[in-house]
Amino acid sequence: MPCCLLALLLGTFLGVRAQTIHQWPPVRVQLVGSPLSLECTVMGTSSPYLYWYRQSLGGTPQLLFSLSIDQVVSEASQSFTAFRPRDGPSILRSEKLLLSDSGFCLCAWSLTLRWVG
């Protein structure tokens, strides 16, 4: 217990803050043929690398995009686009969803540009 309290106090005095990631909207169900736009924001760290994944039913997460402030790398997406304005959230977008796009989309972040997953 004393070591945990010391770590908490040191973090408070040294200005260490927790990082948080927010995906908006948290849940969205869209029809095939409709557009989709999801946002991802990381707070508490400067210039993190962001990743967009899609996980289909019964599958494992598939990396769609990795993004830094000035670079977007497409990994496996045909119908999605992603971008990251300097002063805003990362956006995952599809103009027209396909049946093959079905699944759960999520964002993740790291301090280094490496494959996460």
N, C-alpha and C. Protein backbone atom coordinates (compact mmCIF):
# COMPACT_ATOMS: atom_id res chain seq x y z
N MET A 1 0.81 -1.20 0.00
CA MET A 1 0.00 0.00 0.00
C MET A 1 0.86 1.27 0.00
N PRO A 2 1.91 1.40 0.83
CA PRO A 2 2.72 2.61 0.80
C PRO A 2 3.35 2.88 -0.56
N CYS A 3 3.80 1.82 -1.27
CA CYS A 3 4.43 2.05 -2.58
C CYS A 3 3.41 2.54 -3.60
N CYS A 4 2.17 2.07 -3.52
CA CYS A 4 1.13 2.53 -4.44
C CYS A 4 0.79 3.99 -4.18
N LEU A 5 0.73 4.37 -2.91
CA LEU A 5 0.45 5.75 -2.54
C LEU A 5 1.58 6.66 -3.02
N LEU A 6 2.83 6.19 -2.87
CA LEU A 6 3.98 6.96 -3.33
C LEU A 6 3.93 7.16 -4.85
N ALA A 7 3.60 6.12 -5.58
CA ALA A 7 3.52 6.22 -7.03
C ALA A 7 2.41 7.20 -7.44
N LEU A 8 1.29 7.15 -6.75
CA LEU A 8 0.19 8.06 -7.04
C LEU A 8 0.61 9.50 -6.75
N LEU A 9 1.27 9.74 -5.63
CA LEU A 9 1.72 11.09 -5.29
C LEU A 9 2.78 11.59 -6.27
N LEU A 10 3.73 10.74 -6.64
CA LEU A 10 4.75 11.14 -7.61
C LEU A 10 4.12 11.50 -8.95
N GLY A 11 3.16 10.70 -9.38
CA GLY A 11 2.47 10.99 -10.63
C GLY A 11 1.74 12.32 -10.56
N THR A 12 1.15 12.63 -9.43
CA THR A 12 0.43 13.89 -9.27
C THR A 12 1.40 15.07 -9.30
N PHE A 13 2.51 14.96 -8.57
CA PHE A 13 3.47 16.06 -8.51
C PHE A 13 4.26 16.23 -9.80
N LEU A 14 4.50 15.15 -10.52
CA LEU A 14 5.26 15.24 -11.75
C LEU A 14 4.39 15.58 -12.96
N GLY A 15 3.11 15.73 -12.74
CA GLY A 15 2.22 16.11 -13.83
C GLY A 15 1.84 14.98 -14.76
N VAL A 16 1.94 13.73 -14.32
CA VAL A 16 1.56 12.60 -15.15
C VAL A 16 0.04 12.52 -15.17
N ARG A 17 -0.53 12.48 -16.36
CA ARG A 17 -1.97 12.40 -16.51
C ARG A 17 -2.33 11.15 -17.28
N ALA A 18 -3.51 10.68 -17.04
CA ALA A 18 -3.99 9.50 -17.75
C ALA A 18 -4.37 9.90 -19.17
N GLN A 19 -4.10 9.02 -20.11
CA GLN A 19 -4.51 9.23 -21.48
C GLN A 19 -5.88 8.59 -21.67
N THR A 20 -6.72 9.25 -22.43
CA THR A 20 -8.04 8.70 -22.71
C THR A 20 -8.28 8.73 -24.22
N ILE A 21 -9.06 7.79 -24.67
CA ILE A 21 -9.41 7.72 -26.08
C ILE A 21 -10.94 7.70 -26.16
N HIS A 22 -11.47 8.51 -27.07
CA HIS A 22 -12.92 8.59 -27.24
C HIS A 22 -13.25 8.32 -28.70
N GLN A 23 -14.20 7.43 -28.91
CA GLN A 23 -14.70 7.15 -30.26
C GLN A 23 -16.15 7.60 -30.30
N TRP A 24 -16.50 8.38 -31.34
CA TRP A 24 -17.84 8.91 -31.44
C TRP A 24 -18.43 8.62 -32.80
N PRO A 25 -19.62 8.18 -32.87
CA PRO A 25 -20.46 7.76 -31.76
C PRO A 25 -19.99 6.41 -31.22
N PRO A 26 -20.29 6.14 -29.96
CA PRO A 26 -19.82 4.88 -29.37
C PRO A 26 -20.46 3.66 -30.03
N VAL A 27 -21.71 3.79 -30.48
CA VAL A 27 -22.40 2.69 -31.16
C VAL A 27 -23.17 3.29 -32.34
N ARG A 28 -23.04 2.63 -33.48
CA ARG A 28 -23.80 3.09 -34.66
C ARG A 28 -24.09 1.88 -35.53
N VAL A 29 -25.35 1.76 -35.92
CA VAL A 29 -25.78 0.71 -36.84
C VAL A 29 -26.23 1.40 -38.11
N GLN A 30 -25.65 1.01 -39.24
CA GLN A 30 -25.95 1.63 -40.53
C GLN A 30 -26.42 0.58 -41.52
N LEU A 31 -27.24 1.00 -42.44
CA LEU A 31 -27.72 0.12 -43.51
C LEU A 31 -26.70 0.04 -44.64
N VAL A 32 -26.69 -1.08 -45.34
CA VAL A 32 -25.86 -1.21 -46.54
C VAL A 32 -26.27 -0.12 -47.52
N GLY A 33 -25.27 0.54 -48.11
CA GLY A 33 -25.53 1.63 -49.05
C GLY A 33 -25.55 3.01 -48.43
N SER A 34 -25.58 3.07 -47.10
CA SER A 34 -25.60 4.38 -46.43
C SER A 34 -24.18 4.83 -46.10
N PRO A 35 -23.99 6.13 -45.87
CA PRO A 35 -22.66 6.63 -45.49
C PRO A 35 -22.37 6.37 -44.02
N LEU A 36 -21.11 6.41 -43.66
CA LEU A 36 -20.68 6.23 -42.27
C LEU A 36 -19.54 7.19 -41.97
N SER A 37 -19.58 7.78 -40.79
CA SER A 37 -18.48 8.63 -40.34
C SER A 37 -18.29 8.41 -38.85
N LEU A 38 -17.07 8.00 -38.45
CA LEU A 38 -16.72 7.79 -37.05
C LEU A 38 -15.54 8.69 -36.70
N GLU A 39 -15.51 9.19 -35.46
CA GLU A 39 -14.43 10.05 -35.00
C GLU A 39 -13.69 9.40 -33.84
N CYS A 40 -12.39 9.68 -33.75
CA CYS A 40 -11.56 9.17 -32.67
C CYS A 40 -10.65 10.29 -32.17
N THR A 41 -10.69 10.54 -30.87
CA THR A 41 -9.88 11.58 -30.25
C THR A 41 -9.10 11.00 -29.08
N VAL A 42 -7.82 11.33 -28.99
CA VAL A 42 -6.99 10.93 -27.86
C VAL A 42 -6.65 12.17 -27.06
N MET A 43 -6.83 12.10 -25.75
CA MET A 43 -6.51 13.24 -24.89
C MET A 43 -5.47 12.81 -23.86
N GLY A 44 -4.61 13.75 -23.48
CA GLY A 44 -3.62 13.47 -22.45
C GLY A 44 -2.25 13.13 -22.98
N THR A 45 -2.07 13.16 -24.29
CA THR A 45 -0.76 12.92 -24.89
C THR A 45 -0.68 13.72 -26.19
N SER A 46 0.51 14.10 -26.55
CA SER A 46 0.65 14.89 -27.76
C SER A 46 1.04 14.01 -28.94
N SER A 47 0.40 14.22 -30.05
CA SER A 47 0.70 13.56 -31.33
C SER A 47 0.81 12.04 -31.25
N PRO A 48 -0.20 11.36 -30.71
CA PRO A 48 -0.14 9.90 -30.72
C PRO A 48 -0.40 9.37 -32.12
N TYR A 49 0.03 8.16 -32.37
CA TYR A 49 -0.30 7.47 -33.60
C TYR A 49 -1.65 6.80 -33.40
N LEU A 50 -2.51 6.88 -34.41
CA LEU A 50 -3.85 6.31 -34.31
C LEU A 50 -4.02 5.18 -35.31
N TYR A 51 -4.88 4.25 -34.97
CA TYR A 51 -5.14 3.08 -35.79
C TYR A 51 -6.64 2.86 -35.87
N TRP A 52 -7.13 2.51 -37.04
CA TRP A 52 -8.52 2.10 -37.21
C TRP A 52 -8.55 0.61 -37.56
N TYR A 53 -9.39 -0.13 -36.86
CA TYR A 53 -9.57 -1.57 -37.07
C TYR A 53 -11.02 -1.87 -37.40
N ARG A 54 -11.24 -2.98 -38.08
CA ARG A 54 -12.58 -3.53 -38.28
C ARG A 54 -12.53 -5.00 -37.92
N GLN A 55 -13.50 -5.42 -37.12
CA GLN A 55 -13.59 -6.83 -36.73
C GLN A 55 -14.94 -7.35 -37.20
N SER A 56 -14.90 -8.33 -38.11
CA SER A 56 -16.15 -8.94 -38.59
C SER A 56 -16.61 -10.00 -37.60
N LEU A 57 -17.85 -10.38 -37.70
CA LEU A 57 -18.43 -11.36 -36.80
C LEU A 57 -17.60 -12.65 -36.80
N GLY A 58 -17.12 -13.05 -35.63
CA GLY A 58 -16.34 -14.27 -35.49
C GLY A 58 -14.89 -14.15 -35.92
N GLY A 59 -14.48 -12.96 -36.37
CA GLY A 59 -13.10 -12.77 -36.85
C GLY A 59 -12.24 -12.04 -35.84
N THR A 60 -11.03 -11.79 -36.24
CA THR A 60 -10.10 -11.02 -35.41
C THR A 60 -10.02 -9.60 -35.97
N PRO A 61 -9.61 -8.64 -35.16
CA PRO A 61 -9.49 -7.26 -35.66
C PRO A 61 -8.53 -7.17 -36.84
N GLN A 62 -8.95 -6.47 -37.88
CA GLN A 62 -8.14 -6.27 -39.08
C GLN A 62 -7.77 -4.79 -39.15
N LEU A 63 -6.47 -4.51 -39.26
CA LEU A 63 -6.01 -3.13 -39.33
C LEU A 63 -6.41 -2.52 -40.67
N LEU A 64 -7.14 -1.40 -40.62
CA LEU A 64 -7.54 -0.69 -41.82
C LEU A 64 -6.58 0.44 -42.15
N PHE A 65 -6.22 1.25 -41.13
CA PHE A 65 -5.38 2.43 -41.32
C PHE A 65 -4.49 2.65 -40.11
N SER A 66 -3.29 3.16 -40.36
CA SER A 66 -2.46 3.72 -39.29
C SER A 66 -2.21 5.18 -39.69
N LEU A 67 -2.31 6.08 -38.71
CA LEU A 67 -2.25 7.51 -38.99
C LEU A 67 -1.31 8.22 -38.02
N SER A 68 -0.49 9.08 -38.58
CA SER A 68 0.25 10.05 -37.78
C SER A 68 -0.29 11.41 -38.20
N ILE A 69 0.26 12.47 -37.67
CA ILE A 69 -0.23 13.81 -38.01
C ILE A 69 -0.13 14.08 -39.51
N ASP A 70 0.92 13.61 -40.15
CA ASP A 70 1.13 13.95 -41.56
C ASP A 70 1.14 12.76 -42.50
N GLN A 71 0.68 11.59 -42.04
CA GLN A 71 0.73 10.41 -42.89
C GLN A 71 -0.43 9.48 -42.57
N VAL A 72 -1.08 8.98 -43.63
CA VAL A 72 -2.12 7.97 -43.51
C VAL A 72 -1.69 6.77 -44.34
N VAL A 73 -1.62 5.61 -43.70
CA VAL A 73 -1.24 4.39 -44.39
C VAL A 73 -2.45 3.46 -44.41
N SER A 74 -2.91 3.11 -45.62
CA SER A 74 -4.03 2.19 -45.77
C SER A 74 -3.48 0.78 -45.75
N GLU A 75 -4.06 -0.06 -44.93
CA GLU A 75 -3.58 -1.43 -44.78
C GLU A 75 -4.45 -2.44 -45.53
N ALA A 76 -5.76 -2.32 -45.39
CA ALA A 76 -6.61 -3.36 -45.97
C ALA A 76 -7.99 -2.86 -46.33
N SER A 77 -8.14 -1.60 -46.60
CA SER A 77 -9.46 -1.05 -46.81
C SER A 77 -9.70 -0.72 -48.27
N GLN A 78 -10.87 -1.13 -48.77
CA GLN A 78 -11.24 -0.74 -50.11
C GLN A 78 -12.32 0.34 -50.11
N SER A 79 -13.24 0.29 -49.18
CA SER A 79 -14.36 1.23 -49.22
C SER A 79 -14.30 2.29 -48.13
N PHE A 80 -13.31 2.23 -47.26
CA PHE A 80 -13.17 3.24 -46.20
C PHE A 80 -12.04 4.21 -46.54
N THR A 81 -12.15 5.41 -46.04
CA THR A 81 -11.06 6.38 -46.07
C THR A 81 -10.85 6.86 -44.64
N ALA A 82 -9.65 7.33 -44.37
CA ALA A 82 -9.35 7.87 -43.04
C ALA A 82 -8.49 9.11 -43.21
N PHE A 83 -8.67 10.06 -42.33
CA PHE A 83 -7.81 11.23 -42.33
C PHE A 83 -7.73 11.77 -40.91
N ARG A 84 -6.76 12.63 -40.71
CA ARG A 84 -6.50 13.17 -39.38
C ARG A 84 -6.05 14.62 -39.50
N PRO A 85 -6.96 15.56 -39.35
CA PRO A 85 -6.57 16.96 -39.36
C PRO A 85 -5.65 17.27 -38.18
N ARG A 86 -4.80 18.25 -38.34
CA ARG A 86 -3.84 18.60 -37.29
C ARG A 86 -4.53 18.98 -35.97
N ASP A 87 -5.64 19.68 -36.04
CA ASP A 87 -6.31 20.16 -34.82
C ASP A 87 -7.68 19.53 -34.61
N GLY A 88 -7.81 18.27 -34.97
CA GLY A 88 -9.11 17.65 -34.81
C GLY A 88 -9.00 16.15 -34.65
N PRO A 89 -10.16 15.50 -34.57
CA PRO A 89 -10.16 14.05 -34.40
C PRO A 89 -9.81 13.32 -35.69
N SER A 90 -9.43 12.08 -35.54
CA SER A 90 -9.24 11.20 -36.69
C SER A 90 -10.64 10.78 -37.16
N ILE A 91 -10.81 10.71 -38.47
CA ILE A 91 -12.11 10.36 -39.03
C ILE A 91 -11.99 9.10 -39.88
N LEU A 92 -12.88 8.15 -39.66
CA LEU A 92 -13.02 6.98 -40.52
C LEU A 92 -14.33 7.17 -41.27
N ARG A 93 -14.28 7.06 -42.60
CA ARG A 93 -15.46 7.40 -43.40
C ARG A 93 -15.66 6.40 -44.53
N SER A 94 -16.93 6.17 -44.81
CA SER A 94 -17.32 5.42 -46.00
C SER A 94 -18.48 6.18 -46.64
N GLU A 95 -18.38 6.42 -47.94
CA GLU A 95 -19.46 7.12 -48.64
C GLU A 95 -20.67 6.20 -48.86
N LYS A 96 -20.38 4.90 -49.01
CA LYS A 96 -21.44 3.93 -49.28
C LYS A 96 -21.01 2.58 -48.73
N LEU A 97 -21.61 2.16 -47.62
CA LEU A 97 -21.22 0.90 -46.99
C LEU A 97 -21.62 -0.31 -47.84
N LEU A 98 -20.72 -1.28 -47.87
CA LEU A 98 -20.97 -2.54 -48.56
C LEU A 98 -21.31 -3.61 -47.52
N LEU A 99 -21.93 -4.68 -47.94
CA LEU A 99 -22.23 -5.78 -47.03
C LEU A 99 -20.93 -6.33 -46.44
N SER A 100 -19.87 -6.35 -47.23
CA SER A 100 -18.57 -6.86 -46.75
C SER A 100 -17.93 -5.94 -45.70
N ASP A 101 -18.46 -4.74 -45.50
CA ASP A 101 -17.94 -3.83 -44.46
C ASP A 101 -18.52 -4.13 -43.10
N SER A 102 -19.46 -5.08 -43.03
CA SER A 102 -20.12 -5.40 -41.76
C SER A 102 -19.10 -5.77 -40.70
N GLY A 103 -19.32 -5.27 -39.50
CA GLY A 103 -18.43 -5.58 -38.39
C GLY A 103 -18.38 -4.45 -37.39
N PHE A 104 -17.45 -4.57 -36.50
CA PHE A 104 -17.26 -3.63 -35.41
C PHE A 104 -16.01 -2.80 -35.70
N CYS A 105 -16.14 -1.49 -35.83
CA CYS A 105 -14.99 -0.61 -36.09
C CYS A 105 -14.53 0.00 -34.78
N LEU A 106 -13.22 0.06 -34.60
CA LEU A 106 -12.69 0.67 -33.38
C LEU A 106 -11.38 1.36 -33.66
N CYS A 107 -11.06 2.32 -32.81
CA CYS A 107 -9.79 3.02 -32.94
C CYS A 107 -8.91 2.68 -31.74
N ALA A 108 -7.61 2.82 -31.95
CA ALA A 108 -6.61 2.57 -30.91
C ALA A 108 -5.50 3.58 -31.10
N TRP A 109 -4.62 3.71 -30.12
CA TRP A 109 -3.51 4.66 -30.23
C TRP A 109 -2.26 4.09 -29.58
N SER A 110 -1.11 4.64 -29.98
CA SER A 110 0.16 4.31 -29.33
C SER A 110 1.10 5.51 -29.49
N LEU A 111 2.19 5.50 -28.76
CA LEU A 111 3.17 6.59 -28.85
C LEU A 111 4.17 6.36 -29.97
N THR A 112 4.21 5.14 -30.51
CA THR A 112 5.13 4.82 -31.60
C THR A 112 4.34 4.28 -32.78
N LEU A 113 4.90 4.40 -33.96
CA LEU A 113 4.24 3.91 -35.17
C LEU A 113 4.65 2.47 -35.40
N ARG A 114 3.93 1.57 -34.77
CA ARG A 114 4.14 0.14 -34.93
C ARG A 114 2.78 -0.52 -35.03
N TRP A 115 2.78 -1.67 -35.64
CA TRP A 115 1.53 -2.40 -35.76
C TRP A 115 1.03 -2.75 -34.38
N VAL A 116 -0.24 -2.46 -34.11
CA VAL A 116 -0.86 -2.76 -32.83
C VAL A 116 -1.86 -3.86 -33.06
N GLY A 117 -1.70 -4.99 -32.39
CA GLY A 117 -2.69 -6.04 -32.55
C GLY A 117 -2.14 -7.34 -32.67
